[in-house]
Amino acid sequence: MCVNCGTPVADLNMVQKRLEAGKDFITCQNCDERVQLIDFIEQWAEERPGGAKDPGHAKDSPRRELDTQALEQILIGHVQAITGEANQIFRTLTQFDYGIDGEVRVQGQ
């Protein structure tokens, strides 16, 4: 979504092509401003020790598990913020369900 005018990026195929080409932005179709494709949390997750850009990371270390739990909490907060900005409701699950942290309730207009 464009932070300048709020227009959502609709062409997800073009987003994928730009990411594959190593580009980290796309131009807003409404106001011609740059829309960043990789946010701070994604950059942090890839660049930290044990992330996707660390070739020597140890997948099963206790430190990696703590980092994963911390990242999960950060991402849940990110989803809550985006959901709130869209005037929708995000509910976290009270029972553990591997891979599912909550649900978004889409409200009618």
PDB file of N, CA and C in Angstrom:
ATOM      1  N   MET A   1       0.841  -1.171   0.000  1.00  0.00           N
ATOM      2  CA  MET A   1       0.000   0.000   0.000  1.00  0.00           C
ATOM      3  C   MET A   1       0.890   1.239   0.000  1.00  0.00           C
ATOM      4  N   CYS A   2       0.540   2.201  -0.795  1.00  0.00           N
ATOM      5  CA  CYS A   2       1.301   3.443  -0.878  1.00  0.00           C
ATOM      6  C   CYS A   2       1.107   4.248   0.411  1.00  0.00           C
ATOM      7  N   VAL A   3       2.216   4.615   1.047  1.00  0.00           N
ATOM      8  CA  VAL A   3       2.110   5.393   2.285  1.00  0.00           C
ATOM      9  C   VAL A   3       1.767   6.842   2.001  1.00  0.00           C
ATOM     10  N   ASN A   4       1.933   7.285   0.761  1.00  0.00           N
ATOM     11  CA  ASN A   4       1.633   8.666   0.403  1.00  0.00           C
ATOM     12  C   ASN A   4       0.136   8.889   0.184  1.00  0.00           C
ATOM     13  N   CYS A   5      -0.525   8.000  -0.592  1.00  0.00           N
ATOM     14  CA  CYS A   5      -1.933   8.220  -0.930  1.00  0.00           C
ATOM     15  C   CYS A   5      -2.865   7.101  -0.478  1.00  0.00           C
ATOM     16  N   GLY A   6      -2.309   5.972   0.012  1.00  0.00           N
ATOM     17  CA  GLY A   6      -3.139   4.873   0.504  1.00  0.00           C
ATOM     18  C   GLY A   6      -3.635   3.911  -0.551  1.00  0.00           C
ATOM     19  N   THR A   7      -3.192   4.066  -1.790  1.00  0.00           N
ATOM     20  CA  THR A   7      -3.618   3.172  -2.864  1.00  0.00           C
ATOM     21  C   THR A   7      -2.935   1.810  -2.721  1.00  0.00           C
ATOM     22  N   PRO A   8      -3.713   0.714  -2.710  1.00  0.00           N
ATOM     23  CA  PRO A   8      -3.084  -0.604  -2.615  1.00  0.00           C
ATOM     24  C   PRO A   8      -2.378  -0.989  -3.914  1.00  0.00           C
ATOM     25  N   VAL A   9      -1.294  -1.740  -3.781  1.00  0.00           N
ATOM     26  CA  VAL A   9      -0.603  -2.278  -4.950  1.00  0.00           C
ATOM     27  C   VAL A   9      -1.391  -3.497  -5.394  1.00  0.00           C
ATOM     28  N   ALA A  10      -1.947  -3.437  -6.597  1.00  0.00           N
ATOM     29  CA  ALA A  10      -2.860  -4.482  -7.061  1.00  0.00           C
ATOM     30  C   ALA A  10      -2.180  -5.562  -7.903  1.00  0.00           C
ATOM     31  N   ASP A  11      -1.111  -5.224  -8.606  1.00  0.00           N
ATOM     32  CA  ASP A  11      -0.481  -6.164  -9.527  1.00  0.00           C
ATOM     33  C   ASP A  11       0.607  -6.964  -8.809  1.00  0.00           C
ATOM     34  N   LEU A  12       0.205  -8.065  -8.151  1.00  0.00           N
ATOM     35  CA  LEU A  12       1.142  -8.865  -7.370  1.00  0.00           C
ATOM     36  C   LEU A  12       2.144  -9.601  -8.248  1.00  0.00           C
ATOM     37  N   ASN A  13       1.781  -9.895  -9.492  1.00  0.00           N
ATOM     38  CA  ASN A  13       2.731 -10.519 -10.425  1.00  0.00           C
ATOM     39  C   ASN A  13       3.895  -9.574 -10.708  1.00  0.00           C
ATOM     40  N   MET A  14       3.591  -8.289 -10.875  1.00  0.00           N
ATOM     41  CA  MET A  14       4.646  -7.312 -11.117  1.00  0.00           C
ATOM     42  C   MET A  14       5.519  -7.138  -9.880  1.00  0.00           C
ATOM     43  N   VAL A  15       4.925  -7.194  -8.710  1.00  0.00           N
ATOM     44  CA  VAL A  15       5.691  -7.118  -7.466  1.00  0.00           C
ATOM     45  C   VAL A  15       6.694  -8.274  -7.425  1.00  0.00           C
ATOM     46  N   GLN A  16       6.236  -9.483  -7.731  1.00  0.00           N
ATOM     47  CA  GLN A  16       7.114 -10.658  -7.718  1.00  0.00           C
ATOM     48  C   GLN A  16       8.251 -10.504  -8.728  1.00  0.00           C
ATOM     49  N   LYS A  17       7.942 -10.010  -9.925  1.00  0.00           N
ATOM     50  CA  LYS A  17       8.970  -9.813 -10.953  1.00  0.00           C
ATOM     51  C   LYS A  17      10.018  -8.804 -10.490  1.00  0.00           C
ATOM     52  N   ARG A  18       9.575  -7.734  -9.841  1.00  0.00           N
ATOM     53  CA  ARG A  18      10.519  -6.713  -9.377  1.00  0.00           C
ATOM     54  C   ARG A  18      11.401  -7.256  -8.253  1.00  0.00           C
ATOM     55  N   LEU A  19      10.816  -8.037  -7.353  1.00  0.00           N
ATOM     56  CA  LEU A  19      11.603  -8.630  -6.280  1.00  0.00           C
ATOM     57  C   LEU A  19      12.638  -9.599  -6.849  1.00  0.00           C
ATOM     58  N   GLU A  20      12.237 -10.409  -7.835  1.00  0.00           N
ATOM     59  CA  GLU A  20      13.161 -11.353  -8.464  1.00  0.00           C
ATOM     60  C   GLU A  20      14.286 -10.634  -9.205  1.00  0.00           C
ATOM     61  N   ALA A  21      14.003  -9.417  -9.687  1.00  0.00           N
ATOM     62  CA  ALA A  21      15.020  -8.620 -10.383  1.00  0.00           C
ATOM     63  C   ALA A  21      15.906  -7.852  -9.399  1.00  0.00           C
ATOM     64  N   GLY A  22      15.648  -8.016  -8.105  1.00  0.00           N
ATOM     65  CA  GLY A  22      16.461  -7.348  -7.094  1.00  0.00           C
ATOM     66  C   GLY A  22      16.021  -5.936  -6.778  1.00  0.00           C
ATOM     67  N   LYS A  23      14.847  -5.559  -7.212  1.00  0.00           N
ATOM     68  CA  LYS A  23      14.337  -4.211  -6.943  1.00  0.00           C
ATOM     69  C   LYS A  23      13.464  -4.241  -5.694  1.00  0.00           C
ATOM     70  N   ASP A  24      13.576  -3.203  -4.874  1.00  0.00           N
ATOM     71  CA  ASP A  24      12.871  -3.198  -3.592  1.00  0.00           C
ATOM     72  C   ASP A  24      11.718  -2.210  -3.532  1.00  0.00           C
ATOM     73  N   PHE A  25      11.296  -1.687  -4.684  1.00  0.00           N
ATOM     74  CA  PHE A  25      10.172  -0.760  -4.706  1.00  0.00           C
ATOM     75  C   PHE A  25       9.396  -0.912  -6.003  1.00  0.00           C
ATOM     76  N   ILE A  26       8.191  -0.366  -5.998  1.00  0.00           N
ATOM     77  CA  ILE A  26       7.367  -0.273  -7.196  1.00  0.00           C
ATOM     78  C   ILE A  26       6.754   1.127  -7.182  1.00  0.00           C
ATOM     79  N   THR A  27       6.417   1.657  -8.323  1.00  0.00           N
ATOM     80  CA  THR A  27       5.844   3.002  -8.392  1.00  0.00           C
ATOM     81  C   THR A  27       4.331   2.933  -8.223  1.00  0.00           C
ATOM     82  N   CYS A  28       3.800   3.803  -7.370  1.00  0.00           N
ATOM     83  CA  CYS A  28       2.353   3.848  -7.141  1.00  0.00           C
ATOM     84  C   CYS A  28       1.638   4.245  -8.432  1.00  0.00           C
ATOM     85  N   GLN A  29       0.598   3.511  -8.773  1.00  0.00           N
ATOM     86  CA  GLN A  29      -0.147   3.793 -10.000  1.00  0.00           C
ATOM     87  C   GLN A  29      -1.010   5.043  -9.889  1.00  0.00           C
ATOM     88  N   ASN A  30      -1.184   5.562  -8.665  1.00  0.00           N
ATOM     89  CA  ASN A  30      -2.017   6.738  -8.463  1.00  0.00           C
ATOM     90  C   ASN A  30      -1.207   8.029  -8.362  1.00  0.00           C
ATOM     91  N   CYS A  31      -0.163   8.017  -7.520  1.00  0.00           N
ATOM     92  CA  CYS A  31       0.557   9.273  -7.247  1.00  0.00           C
ATOM     93  C   CYS A  31       2.012   9.257  -7.696  1.00  0.00           C
ATOM     94  N   ASP A  32       2.478   8.165  -8.283  1.00  0.00           N
ATOM     95  CA  ASP A  32       3.837   8.027  -8.810  1.00  0.00           C
ATOM     96  C   ASP A  32       4.940   8.049  -7.746  1.00  0.00           C
ATOM     97  N   GLU A  33       4.588   7.870  -6.479  1.00  0.00           N
ATOM     98  CA  GLU A  33       5.595   7.771  -5.424  1.00  0.00           C
ATOM     99  C   GLU A  33       6.103   6.337  -5.339  1.00  0.00           C
ATOM    100  N   ARG A  34       7.292   6.154  -4.745  1.00  0.00           N
ATOM    101  CA  ARG A  34       7.841   4.820  -4.545  1.00  0.00           C
ATOM    102  C   ARG A  34       7.099   4.108  -3.421  1.00  0.00           C
ATOM    103  N   VAL A  35       6.763   2.846  -3.648  1.00  0.00           N
ATOM    104  CA  VAL A  35       6.176   1.982  -2.629  1.00  0.00           C
ATOM    105  C   VAL A  35       7.205   0.912  -2.315  1.00  0.00           C
ATOM    106  N   GLN A  36       7.723   0.914  -1.085  1.00  0.00           N
ATOM    107  CA  GLN A  36       8.727  -0.065  -0.688  1.00  0.00           C
ATOM    108  C   GLN A  36       8.104  -1.458  -0.653  1.00  0.00           C
ATOM    109  N   LEU A  37       8.797  -2.446  -1.190  1.00  0.00           N
ATOM    110  CA  LEU A  37       8.295  -3.818  -1.230  1.00  0.00           C
ATOM    111  C   LEU A  37       8.808  -4.655  -0.066  1.00  0.00           C
ATOM    112  N   ILE A  38       9.915  -4.226   0.544  1.00  0.00           N
ATOM    113  CA  ILE A  38      10.479  -4.950   1.678  1.00  0.00           C
ATOM    114  C   ILE A  38      10.493  -3.996   2.858  1.00  0.00           C
ATOM    115  N   ASP A  39       9.754  -4.345   3.909  1.00  0.00           N
ATOM    116  CA  ASP A  39       9.695  -3.455   5.066  1.00  0.00           C
ATOM    117  C   ASP A  39      10.812  -3.758   6.056  1.00  0.00           C
ATOM    118  N   PHE A  40      10.892  -2.967   7.098  1.00  0.00           N
ATOM    119  CA  PHE A  40      11.957  -3.072   8.087  1.00  0.00           C
ATOM    120  C   PHE A  40      12.021  -4.457   8.713  1.00  0.00           C
ATOM    121  N   ILE A  41      10.895  -5.042   9.056  1.00  0.00           N
ATOM    122  CA  ILE A  41      10.879  -6.349   9.723  1.00  0.00           C
ATOM    123  C   ILE A  41      11.426  -7.419   8.786  1.00  0.00           C
ATOM    124  N   GLU A  42      11.060  -7.387   7.524  1.00  0.00           N
ATOM    125  CA  GLU A  42      11.579  -8.359   6.564  1.00  0.00           C
ATOM    126  C   GLU A  42      13.086  -8.206   6.376  1.00  0.00           C
ATOM    127  N   GLN A  43      13.572  -6.972   6.310  1.00  0.00           N
ATOM    128  CA  GLN A  43      15.013  -6.739   6.199  1.00  0.00           C
ATOM    129  C   GLN A  43      15.732  -7.281   7.420  1.00  0.00           C
ATOM    130  N   TRP A  44      15.203  -6.984   8.584  1.00  0.00           N
ATOM    131  CA  TRP A  44      15.817  -7.436   9.830  1.00  0.00           C
ATOM    132  C   TRP A  44      15.855  -8.959   9.899  1.00  0.00           C
ATOM    133  N   ALA A  45      14.764  -9.612   9.519  1.00  0.00           N
ATOM    134  CA  ALA A  45      14.687 -11.073   9.590  1.00  0.00           C
ATOM    135  C   ALA A  45      15.690 -11.737   8.658  1.00  0.00           C
ATOM    136  N   GLU A  46      15.918 -11.167   7.488  1.00  0.00           N
ATOM    137  CA  GLU A  46      16.853 -11.745   6.537  1.00  0.00           C
ATOM    138  C   GLU A  46      18.302 -11.490   6.919  1.00  0.00           C
ATOM    139  N   GLU A  47      18.598 -10.329   7.496  1.00  0.00           N
ATOM    140  CA  GLU A  47      19.981  -9.929   7.738  1.00  0.00           C
ATOM    141  C   GLU A  47      20.522 -10.354   9.096  1.00  0.00           C
ATOM    142  N   ARG A  48      19.676 -10.715  10.030  1.00  0.00           N
ATOM    143  CA  ARG A  48      20.143 -11.084  11.368  1.00  0.00           C
ATOM    144  C   ARG A  48      20.842 -12.443  11.324  1.00  0.00           C
ATOM    145  N   PRO A  49      21.677 -12.749  12.326  1.00  0.00           N
ATOM    146  CA  PRO A  49      22.306 -14.071  12.375  1.00  0.00           C
ATOM    147  C   PRO A  49      21.249 -15.171  12.402  1.00  0.00           C
ATOM    148  N   GLY A  50      21.392 -16.153  11.535  1.00  0.00           N
ATOM    149  CA  GLY A  50      20.416 -17.234  11.436  1.00  0.00           C
ATOM    150  C   GLY A  50      19.339 -16.967  10.408  1.00  0.00           C
ATOM    151  N   GLY A  51      19.337 -15.765   9.825  1.00  0.00           N
ATOM    152  CA  GLY A  51      18.336 -15.425   8.818  1.00  0.00           C
ATOM    153  C   GLY A  51      18.689 -16.000   7.462  1.00  0.00           C
ATOM    154  N   ALA A  52      17.872 -15.706   6.473  1.00  0.00           N
ATOM    155  CA  ALA A  52      18.029 -16.278   5.138  1.00  0.00           C
ATOM    156  C   ALA A  52      19.364 -15.905   4.488  1.00  0.00           C
ATOM    157  N   LYS A  53      19.945 -14.746   4.832  1.00  0.00           N
ATOM    158  CA  LYS A  53      21.198 -14.315   4.217  1.00  0.00           C
ATOM    159  C   LYS A  53      22.429 -14.790   4.993  1.00  0.00           C
ATOM    160  N   ASP A  54      22.249 -15.558   6.043  1.00  0.00           N
ATOM    161  CA  ASP A  54      23.358 -16.076   6.835  1.00  0.00           C
ATOM    162  C   ASP A  54      23.617 -17.524   6.427  1.00  0.00           C
ATOM    163  N   PRO A  55      24.651 -17.787   5.597  1.00  0.00           N
ATOM    164  CA  PRO A  55      24.864 -19.145   5.084  1.00  0.00           C
ATOM    165  C   PRO A  55      25.263 -20.148   6.152  1.00  0.00           C
ATOM    166  N   GLY A  56      25.791 -19.699   7.284  1.00  0.00           N
ATOM    167  CA  GLY A  56      26.242 -20.625   8.306  1.00  0.00           C
ATOM    168  C   GLY A  56      25.296 -20.749   9.485  1.00  0.00           C
ATOM    169  N   HIS A  57      24.032 -20.433   9.297  1.00  0.00           N
ATOM    170  CA  HIS A  57      23.116 -20.444  10.446  1.00  0.00           C
ATOM    171  C   HIS A  57      22.812 -21.871  10.904  1.00  0.00           C
ATOM    172  N   ALA A  58      22.594 -21.996  12.208  1.00  0.00           N
ATOM    173  CA  ALA A  58      22.253 -23.299  12.794  1.00  0.00           C
ATOM    174  C   ALA A  58      20.756 -23.317  13.069  1.00  0.00           C
ATOM    175  N   LYS A  59      20.032 -24.124  12.341  1.00  0.00           N
ATOM    176  CA  LYS A  59      18.571 -24.123  12.427  1.00  0.00           C
ATOM    177  C   LYS A  59      18.027 -24.628  13.756  1.00  0.00           C
ATOM    178  N   ASP A  60      18.743 -25.521  14.423  1.00  0.00           N
ATOM    179  CA  ASP A  60      18.189 -26.161  15.603  1.00  0.00           C
ATOM    180  C   ASP A  60      18.754 -25.636  16.919  1.00  0.00           C
ATOM    181  N   SER A  61      19.444 -24.514  16.921  1.00  0.00           N
ATOM    182  CA  SER A  61      20.036 -24.020  18.160  1.00  0.00           C
ATOM    183  C   SER A  61      18.972 -23.361  19.033  1.00  0.00           C
ATOM    184  N   PRO A  62      19.147 -23.380  20.377  1.00  0.00           N
ATOM    185  CA  PRO A  62      18.190 -22.722  21.269  1.00  0.00           C
ATOM    186  C   PRO A  62      18.076 -21.230  20.983  1.00  0.00           C
ATOM    187  N   ARG A  63      19.182 -20.566  20.623  1.00  0.00           N
ATOM    188  CA  ARG A  63      19.154 -19.135  20.305  1.00  0.00           C
ATOM    189  C   ARG A  63      18.238 -18.875  19.126  1.00  0.00           C
ATOM    190  N   ARG A  64      18.281 -19.731  18.126  1.00  0.00           N
ATOM    191  CA  ARG A  64      17.412 -19.589  16.947  1.00  0.00           C
ATOM    192  C   ARG A  64      15.948 -19.685  17.351  1.00  0.00           C
ATOM    193  N   GLU A  65      15.605 -20.582  18.270  1.00  0.00           N
ATOM    194  CA  GLU A  65      14.224 -20.731  18.713  1.00  0.00           C
ATOM    195  C   GLU A  65      13.737 -19.463  19.410  1.00  0.00           C
ATOM    196  N   LEU A  66      14.569 -18.871  20.261  1.00  0.00           N
ATOM    197  CA  LEU A  66      14.181 -17.631  20.924  1.00  0.00           C
ATOM    198  C   LEU A  66      13.982 -16.514  19.910  1.00  0.00           C
ATOM    199  N   ASP A  67      14.869 -16.426  18.910  1.00  0.00           N
ATOM    200  CA  ASP A  67      14.714 -15.419  17.879  1.00  0.00           C
ATOM    201  C   ASP A  67      13.423 -15.619  17.098  1.00  0.00           C
ATOM    202  N   THR A  68      13.079 -16.862  16.819  1.00  0.00           N
ATOM    203  CA  THR A  68      11.842 -17.158  16.093  1.00  0.00           C
ATOM    204  C   THR A  68      10.622 -16.728  16.906  1.00  0.00           C
ATOM    205  N   GLN A  69      10.635 -16.988  18.194  1.00  0.00           N
ATOM    206  CA  GLN A  69       9.514 -16.582  19.043  1.00  0.00           C
ATOM    207  C   GLN A  69       9.397 -15.068  19.102  1.00  0.00           C
ATOM    208  N   ALA A  70      10.527 -14.379  19.213  1.00  0.00           N
ATOM    209  CA  ALA A  70      10.505 -12.918  19.242  1.00  0.00           C
ATOM    210  C   ALA A  70       9.987 -12.370  17.912  1.00  0.00           C
ATOM    211  N   LEU A  71      10.456 -12.931  16.806  1.00  0.00           N
ATOM    212  CA  LEU A  71      10.009 -12.488  15.493  1.00  0.00           C
ATOM    213  C   LEU A  71       8.504 -12.722  15.326  1.00  0.00           C
ATOM    214  N   GLU A  72       8.011 -13.843  15.834  1.00  0.00           N
ATOM    215  CA  GLU A  72       6.573 -14.126  15.769  1.00  0.00           C
ATOM    216  C   GLU A  72       5.776 -13.019  16.449  1.00  0.00           C
ATOM    217  N   GLN A  73       6.218 -12.580  17.614  1.00  0.00           N
ATOM    218  CA  GLN A  73       5.514 -11.522  18.338  1.00  0.00           C
ATOM    219  C   GLN A  73       5.559 -10.196  17.577  1.00  0.00           C
ATOM    220  N   ILE A  74       6.713  -9.910  16.967  1.00  0.00           N
ATOM    221  CA  ILE A  74       6.833  -8.690  16.168  1.00  0.00           C
ATOM    222  C   ILE A  74       5.869  -8.724  14.992  1.00  0.00           C
ATOM    223  N   LEU A  75       5.810  -9.869  14.306  1.00  0.00           N
ATOM    224  CA  LEU A  75       4.946  -9.985  13.128  1.00  0.00           C
ATOM    225  C   LEU A  75       3.464  -9.952  13.500  1.00  0.00           C
ATOM    226  N   ILE A  76       3.103 -10.527  14.646  1.00  0.00           N
ATOM    227  CA  ILE A  76       1.711 -10.452  15.106  1.00  0.00           C
ATOM    228  C   ILE A  76       1.333  -8.994  15.346  1.00  0.00           C
ATOM    229  N   GLY A  77       2.237  -8.243  15.962  1.00  0.00           N
ATOM    230  CA  GLY A  77       1.980  -6.817  16.174  1.00  0.00           C
ATOM    231  C   GLY A  77       1.832  -6.073  14.865  1.00  0.00           C
ATOM    232  N   HIS A  78       2.639  -6.452  13.875  1.00  0.00           N
ATOM    233  CA  HIS A  78       2.563  -5.831  12.553  1.00  0.00           C
ATOM    234  C   HIS A  78       1.199  -6.111  11.913  1.00  0.00           C
ATOM    235  N   VAL A  79       0.741  -7.351  12.007  1.00  0.00           N
ATOM    236  CA  VAL A  79      -0.572  -7.722  11.456  1.00  0.00           C
ATOM    237  C   VAL A  79      -1.677  -6.955  12.184  1.00  0.00           C
ATOM    238  N   GLN A  80      -1.567  -6.829  13.497  1.00  0.00           N
ATOM    239  CA  GLN A  80      -2.573  -6.078  14.255  1.00  0.00           C
ATOM    240  C   GLN A  80      -2.624  -4.624  13.799  1.00  0.00           C
ATOM    241  N   ALA A  81      -1.464  -4.023  13.566  1.00  0.00           N
ATOM    242  CA  ALA A  81      -1.428  -2.627  13.115  1.00  0.00           C
ATOM    243  C   ALA A  81      -2.059  -2.468  11.742  1.00  0.00           C
ATOM    244  N   ILE A  82      -1.704  -3.351  10.812  1.00  0.00           N
ATOM    245  CA  ILE A  82      -2.256  -3.272   9.456  1.00  0.00           C
ATOM    246  C   ILE A  82      -3.766  -3.492   9.479  1.00  0.00           C
ATOM    247  N   THR A  83      -4.203  -4.463  10.267  1.00  0.00           N
ATOM    248  CA  THR A  83      -5.632  -4.756  10.366  1.00  0.00           C
ATOM    249  C   THR A  83      -6.381  -3.557  10.934  1.00  0.00           C
ATOM    250  N   GLY A  84      -5.823  -2.934  11.958  1.00  0.00           N
ATOM    251  CA  GLY A  84      -6.449  -1.740  12.537  1.00  0.00           C
ATOM    252  C   GLY A  84      -6.516  -0.599  11.549  1.00  0.00           C
ATOM    253  N   GLU A  85      -5.435  -0.395  10.771  1.00  0.00           N
ATOM    254  CA  GLU A  85      -5.432   0.662   9.757  1.00  0.00           C
ATOM    255  C   GLU A  85      -6.486   0.417   8.694  1.00  0.00           C
ATOM    256  N   ALA A  86      -6.817  -0.852   8.447  1.00  0.00           N
ATOM    257  CA  ALA A  86      -7.836  -1.197   7.454  1.00  0.00           C
ATOM    258  C   ALA A  86      -9.233  -1.213   8.065  1.00  0.00           C
ATOM    259  N   ASN A  87      -9.345  -0.791   9.340  1.00  0.00           N
ATOM    260  CA  ASN A  87     -10.627  -0.740  10.046  1.00  0.00           C
ATOM    261  C   ASN A  87     -11.276  -2.125  10.150  1.00  0.00           C
ATOM    262  N   GLN A  88     -10.417  -3.140  10.387  1.00  0.00           N
ATOM    263  CA  GLN A  88     -10.878  -4.510  10.561  1.00  0.00           C
ATOM    264  C   GLN A  88     -10.450  -4.988  11.949  1.00  0.00           C
ATOM    265  N   ILE A  89     -10.789  -6.215  12.301  1.00  0.00           N
ATOM    266  CA  ILE A  89     -10.501  -6.747  13.628  1.00  0.00           C
ATOM    267  C   ILE A  89      -9.569  -7.950  13.509  1.00  0.00           C
ATOM    268  N   PHE A  90      -8.474  -7.956  14.299  1.00  0.00           N
ATOM    269  CA  PHE A  90      -7.576  -9.108  14.389  1.00  0.00           C
ATOM    270  C   PHE A  90      -7.727  -9.713  15.773  1.00  0.00           C
ATOM    271  N   ARG A  91      -7.962 -11.010  15.816  1.00  0.00           N
ATOM    272  CA  ARG A  91      -8.092 -11.714  17.092  1.00  0.00           C
ATOM    273  C   ARG A  91      -7.014 -12.784  17.175  1.00  0.00           C
ATOM    274  N   THR A  92      -6.220 -12.768  18.255  1.00  0.00           N
ATOM    275  CA  THR A  92      -5.230 -13.816  18.447  1.00  0.00           C
ATOM    276  C   THR A  92      -5.942 -15.064  18.946  1.00  0.00           C
ATOM    277  N   LEU A  93      -5.393 -16.230  18.625  1.00  0.00           N
ATOM    278  CA  LEU A  93      -5.964 -17.487  19.107  1.00  0.00           C
ATOM    279  C   LEU A  93      -5.529 -17.730  20.542  1.00  0.00           C
ATOM    280  N   THR A  94      -6.432 -18.207  21.368  1.00  0.00           N
ATOM    281  CA  THR A  94      -6.096 -18.499  22.761  1.00  0.00           C
ATOM    282  C   THR A  94      -5.561 -19.912  22.923  1.00  0.00           C
ATOM    283  N   GLN A  95      -5.827 -20.790  21.978  1.00  0.00           N
ATOM    284  CA  GLN A  95      -5.301 -22.152  22.012  1.00  0.00           C
ATOM    285  C   GLN A  95      -4.213 -22.281  20.957  1.00  0.00           C
ATOM    286  N   PHE A  96      -3.177 -23.039  21.288  1.00  0.00           N
ATOM    287  CA  PHE A  96      -2.063 -23.212  20.364  1.00  0.00           C
ATOM    288  C   PHE A  96      -2.502 -23.992  19.126  1.00  0.00           C
ATOM    289  N   ASP A  97      -2.177 -23.453  17.966  1.00  0.00           N
ATOM    290  CA  ASP A  97      -2.422 -24.120  16.689  1.00  0.00           C
ATOM    291  C   ASP A  97      -1.215 -23.816  15.818  1.00  0.00           C
ATOM    292  N   TYR A  98      -0.345 -24.802  15.629  1.00  0.00           N
ATOM    293  CA  TYR A  98       0.925 -24.587  14.951  1.00  0.00           C
ATOM    294  C   TYR A  98       0.734 -23.901  13.607  1.00  0.00           C
ATOM    295  N   GLY A  99       1.346 -22.725  13.450  1.00  0.00           N
ATOM    296  CA  GLY A  99       1.312 -21.993  12.196  1.00  0.00           C
ATOM    297  C   GLY A  99       0.171 -21.008  12.071  1.00  0.00           C
ATOM    298  N   ILE A 100      -0.791 -21.042  12.988  1.00  0.00           N
ATOM    299  CA  ILE A 100      -1.918 -20.102  12.946  1.00  0.00           C
ATOM    300  C   ILE A 100      -1.913 -19.323  14.254  1.00  0.00           C
ATOM    301  N   ASP A 101      -1.742 -18.003  14.157  1.00  0.00           N
ATOM    302  CA  ASP A 101      -1.634 -17.171  15.346  1.00  0.00           C
ATOM    303  C   ASP A 101      -2.889 -16.367  15.641  1.00  0.00           C
ATOM    304  N   GLY A 102      -3.760 -16.225  14.658  1.00  0.00           N
ATOM    305  CA  GLY A 102      -4.963 -15.436  14.865  1.00  0.00           C
ATOM    306  C   GLY A 102      -5.829 -15.449  13.629  1.00  0.00           C
ATOM    307  N   GLU A 103      -6.863 -14.619  13.698  1.00  0.00           N
ATOM    308  CA  GLU A 103      -7.774 -14.515  12.557  1.00  0.00           C
ATOM    309  C   GLU A 103      -8.169 -13.063  12.357  1.00  0.00           C
ATOM    310  N   VAL A 104      -8.442 -12.714  11.106  1.00  0.00           N
ATOM    311  CA  VAL A 104      -8.895 -11.380  10.774  1.00  0.00           C
ATOM    312  C   VAL A 104     -10.385 -11.451  10.484  1.00  0.00           C
ATOM    313  N   ARG A 105     -11.138 -10.643  11.176  1.00  0.00           N
ATOM    314  CA  ARG A 105     -12.578 -10.578  10.925  1.00  0.00           C
ATOM    315  C   ARG A 105     -12.820  -9.393  10.017  1.00  0.00           C
ATOM    316  N   VAL A 106     -13.278  -9.662   8.802  1.00  0.00           N
ATOM    317  CA  VAL A 106     -13.539  -8.609   7.829  1.00  0.00           C
ATOM    318  C   VAL A 106     -14.944  -8.097   8.061  1.00  0.00           C
ATOM    319  N   GLN A 107     -15.043  -6.815   8.377  1.00  0.00           N
ATOM    320  CA  GLN A 107     -16.324  -6.202   8.654  1.00  0.00           C
ATOM    321  C   GLN A 107     -16.941  -5.650   7.366  1.00  0.00           C
ATOM    322  N   GLY A 108     -18.242  -5.681   7.281  1.00  0.00           N
ATOM    323  CA  GLY A 108     -18.945  -5.132   6.113  1.00  0.00           C
ATOM    324  C   GLY A 108     -18.883  -3.627   6.087  1.00  0.00           C
ATOM    325  N   GLN A 109     -19.136  -3.066   4.951  1.00  0.00           N
ATOM    326  CA  GLN A 109     -19.090  -1.611   4.772  1.00  0.00           C
ATOM    327  C   GLN A 109     -20.257  -0.934   5.418  1.00  0.00           C
TER     328      GLN A 109
END
